[in-house]
Amino acid sequence: MLSDCNVHAQLTQHYPPGDLQEALSTMGADQKEYTDCYDVIQRALLADLGRVHPGTAAATEQGGGSTFLTTPLIILIGIAGFAAGAVTYLGVRARRK
């Protein structure tokens, strides 16, 4: 499967979800960094699991880089940062009184 991805920059065959998961978990750091195979295999796995259908906007919007931060997680981190800043501001303000 990894050679299929390396040669064609896509998967030319259908692979079972277990094989896709195994490929993701055993892929070397160099291959993750210097090829798009991690993203290609991850999209194939998601499509196979019915979360993303190939050809939809969600499938085509994913770029070459990969990230473990999802949009809801990024929003949650932003809200937590804002809340921490507000609490700090209110604490400093209360001390000055």
C-alpha atoms as a PDB file:
ATOM      1  CA  MET A   1       0.000   0.000   0.000  1.00  0.00           C
ATOM      2  CA  LEU A   2       2.792   2.447   0.855  1.00  0.00           C
ATOM      3  CA  SER A   3       4.562   1.657  -2.390  1.00  0.00           C
ATOM      4  CA  ASP A   4       1.265   2.200  -4.248  1.00  0.00           C
ATOM      5  CA  CYS A   5       1.004   5.637  -2.663  1.00  0.00           C
ATOM      6  CA  ASN A   6       4.663   6.483  -3.240  1.00  0.00           C
ATOM      7  CA  VAL A   7       4.554   5.546  -6.916  1.00  0.00           C
ATOM      8  CA  HIS A   8       1.167   7.061  -7.809  1.00  0.00           C
ATOM      9  CA  ALA A   9       0.720   9.778  -5.131  1.00  0.00           C
ATOM     10  CA  GLN A  10      -2.660   8.152  -4.516  1.00  0.00           C
ATOM     11  CA  LEU A  11      -4.065   4.723  -3.785  1.00  0.00           C
ATOM     12  CA  THR A  12      -4.912   2.864  -6.972  1.00  0.00           C
ATOM     13  CA  GLN A  13      -6.553  -0.064  -5.181  1.00  0.00           C
ATOM     14  CA  HIS A  14      -9.079  -0.482  -2.388  1.00  0.00           C
ATOM     15  CA  TYR A  15      -7.562  -1.512   0.937  1.00  0.00           C
ATOM     16  CA  PRO A  16      -9.454  -2.741   4.033  1.00  0.00           C
ATOM     17  CA  PRO A  17      -9.738  -0.258   6.934  1.00  0.00           C
ATOM     18  CA  GLY A  18      -7.504  -2.422   9.138  1.00  0.00           C
ATOM     19  CA  ASP A  19      -4.707  -2.290   6.569  1.00  0.00           C
ATOM     20  CA  LEU A  20      -5.107   1.477   6.235  1.00  0.00           C
ATOM     21  CA  GLN A  21      -4.935   1.941  10.009  1.00  0.00           C
ATOM     22  CA  GLU A  22      -1.872  -0.272  10.238  1.00  0.00           C
ATOM     23  CA  ALA A  23      -0.149   1.685   7.472  1.00  0.00           C
ATOM     24  CA  LEU A  24      -0.816   4.952   9.314  1.00  0.00           C
ATOM     25  CA  SER A  25       0.465   3.620  12.629  1.00  0.00           C
ATOM     26  CA  THR A  26       3.633   2.063  11.197  1.00  0.00           C
ATOM     27  CA  MET A  27       4.564   4.786   8.705  1.00  0.00           C
ATOM     28  CA  GLY A  28       8.027   6.216   9.257  1.00  0.00           C
ATOM     29  CA  ALA A  29       8.620   9.849  10.183  1.00  0.00           C
ATOM     30  CA  ASP A  30      10.429  10.558   6.896  1.00  0.00           C
ATOM     31  CA  GLN A  31       7.517   9.305   4.845  1.00  0.00           C
ATOM     32  CA  LYS A  32       5.045  11.335   6.927  1.00  0.00           C
ATOM     33  CA  GLU A  33       7.091  14.478   6.463  1.00  0.00           C
ATOM     34  CA  TYR A  34       8.268  14.223   2.871  1.00  0.00           C
ATOM     35  CA  THR A  35       5.314  12.574   1.125  1.00  0.00           C
ATOM     36  CA  ASP A  36       1.559  13.072   1.055  1.00  0.00           C
ATOM     37  CA  CYS A  37       0.976   9.382   1.774  1.00  0.00           C
ATOM     38  CA  TYR A  38      -0.162   9.908   5.365  1.00  0.00           C
ATOM     39  CA  ASP A  39      -2.914  12.281   4.184  1.00  0.00           C
ATOM     40  CA  VAL A  40      -3.787  10.074   1.209  1.00  0.00           C
ATOM     41  CA  ILE A  41      -4.185   6.994   3.406  1.00  0.00           C
ATOM     42  CA  GLN A  42      -6.017   8.919   6.125  1.00  0.00           C
ATOM     43  CA  ARG A  43      -8.535  10.261   3.567  1.00  0.00           C
ATOM     44  CA  ALA A  44      -9.008   6.740   2.200  1.00  0.00           C
ATOM     45  CA  LEU A  45      -9.657   5.450   5.710  1.00  0.00           C
ATOM     46  CA  LEU A  46     -12.143   8.227   6.488  1.00  0.00           C
ATOM     47  CA  ALA A  47     -13.912   7.660   3.177  1.00  0.00           C
ATOM     48  CA  ASP A  48     -14.071   3.956   3.904  1.00  0.00           C
ATOM     49  CA  LEU A  49     -15.566   4.631   7.311  1.00  0.00           C
ATOM     50  CA  GLY A  50     -18.176   6.930   5.728  1.00  0.00           C
ATOM     51  CA  ARG A  51     -17.029  10.153   7.363  1.00  0.00           C
ATOM     52  CA  VAL A  52     -15.774  11.768   4.167  1.00  0.00           C
ATOM     53  CA  HIS A  53     -16.896  10.871   0.692  1.00  0.00           C
ATOM     54  CA  PRO A  54     -14.299  11.270  -2.065  1.00  0.00           C
ATOM     55  CA  GLY A  55     -14.954  14.261  -4.291  1.00  0.00           C
ATOM     56  CA  THR A  56     -16.826  16.271  -1.652  1.00  0.00           C
ATOM     57  CA  ALA A  57     -15.631  19.644  -0.460  1.00  0.00           C
ATOM     58  CA  ALA A  58     -14.365  18.156   2.814  1.00  0.00           C
ATOM     59  CA  ALA A  59     -12.266  15.626   0.945  1.00  0.00           C
ATOM     60  CA  THR A  60     -10.783  18.097  -1.534  1.00  0.00           C
ATOM     61  CA  GLU A  61     -10.091  20.892   0.953  1.00  0.00           C
ATOM     62  CA  GLN A  62      -7.525  18.875   2.875  1.00  0.00           C
ATOM     63  CA  GLY A  63      -4.094  20.095   1.892  1.00  0.00           C
ATOM     64  CA  GLY A  64      -0.669  18.518   1.910  1.00  0.00           C
ATOM     65  CA  GLY A  65       0.157  19.237   5.547  1.00  0.00           C
ATOM     66  CA  SER A  66      -1.313  17.204   8.306  1.00  0.00           C
ATOM     67  CA  THR A  67      -2.389  18.361  11.727  1.00  0.00           C
ATOM     68  CA  PHE A  68      -3.802  16.726  14.793  1.00  0.00           C
ATOM     69  CA  LEU A  69      -5.745  19.878  15.656  1.00  0.00           C
ATOM     70  CA  THR A  70      -9.302  19.789  14.432  1.00  0.00           C
ATOM     71  CA  THR A  71     -11.378  22.936  14.018  1.00  0.00           C
ATOM     72  CA  PRO A  72     -13.456  22.362  17.190  1.00  0.00           C
ATOM     73  CA  LEU A  73     -10.256  21.797  19.166  1.00  0.00           C
ATOM     74  CA  ILE A  74      -8.724  25.015  17.837  1.00  0.00           C
ATOM     75  CA  ILE A  75     -11.889  26.918  18.786  1.00  0.00           C
ATOM     76  CA  LEU A  76     -11.843  25.364  22.265  1.00  0.00           C
ATOM     77  CA  ILE A  77      -8.200  26.357  22.752  1.00  0.00           C
ATOM     78  CA  GLY A  78      -9.045  29.911  21.678  1.00  0.00           C
ATOM     79  CA  ILE A  79     -11.952  30.137  24.116  1.00  0.00           C
ATOM     80  CA  ALA A  80      -9.798  28.728  26.929  1.00  0.00           C
ATOM     81  CA  GLY A  81      -7.085  31.282  26.151  1.00  0.00           C
ATOM     82  CA  PHE A  82      -9.593  34.119  26.142  1.00  0.00           C
ATOM     83  CA  ALA A  83     -11.086  32.932  29.447  1.00  0.00           C
ATOM     84  CA  ALA A  84      -7.632  32.665  31.035  1.00  0.00           C
ATOM     85  CA  GLY A  85      -6.807  36.184  29.891  1.00  0.00           C
ATOM     86  CA  ALA A  86     -10.091  37.531  31.257  1.00  0.00           C
ATOM     87  CA  VAL A  87      -9.529  35.873  34.651  1.00  0.00           C
ATOM     88  CA  THR A  88      -5.983  37.255  34.796  1.00  0.00           C
ATOM     89  CA  TYR A  89      -7.187  40.733  33.891  1.00  0.00           C
ATOM     90  CA  LEU A  90      -9.931  40.646  36.533  1.00  0.00           C
ATOM     91  CA  GLY A  91      -7.454  39.386  39.148  1.00  0.00           C
ATOM     92  CA  VAL A  92      -4.976  42.176  38.434  1.00  0.00           C
ATOM     93  CA  ARG A  93      -7.786  44.723  38.432  1.00  0.00           C
ATOM     94  CA  ALA A  94      -9.090  43.491  41.799  1.00  0.00           C
ATOM     95  CA  ARG A  95      -5.618  43.742  43.336  1.00  0.00           C
ATOM     96  CA  ARG A  96      -5.255  47.367  42.295  1.00  0.00           C
ATOM     97  CA  LYS A  97      -8.382  48.403  44.197  1.00  0.00           C
END
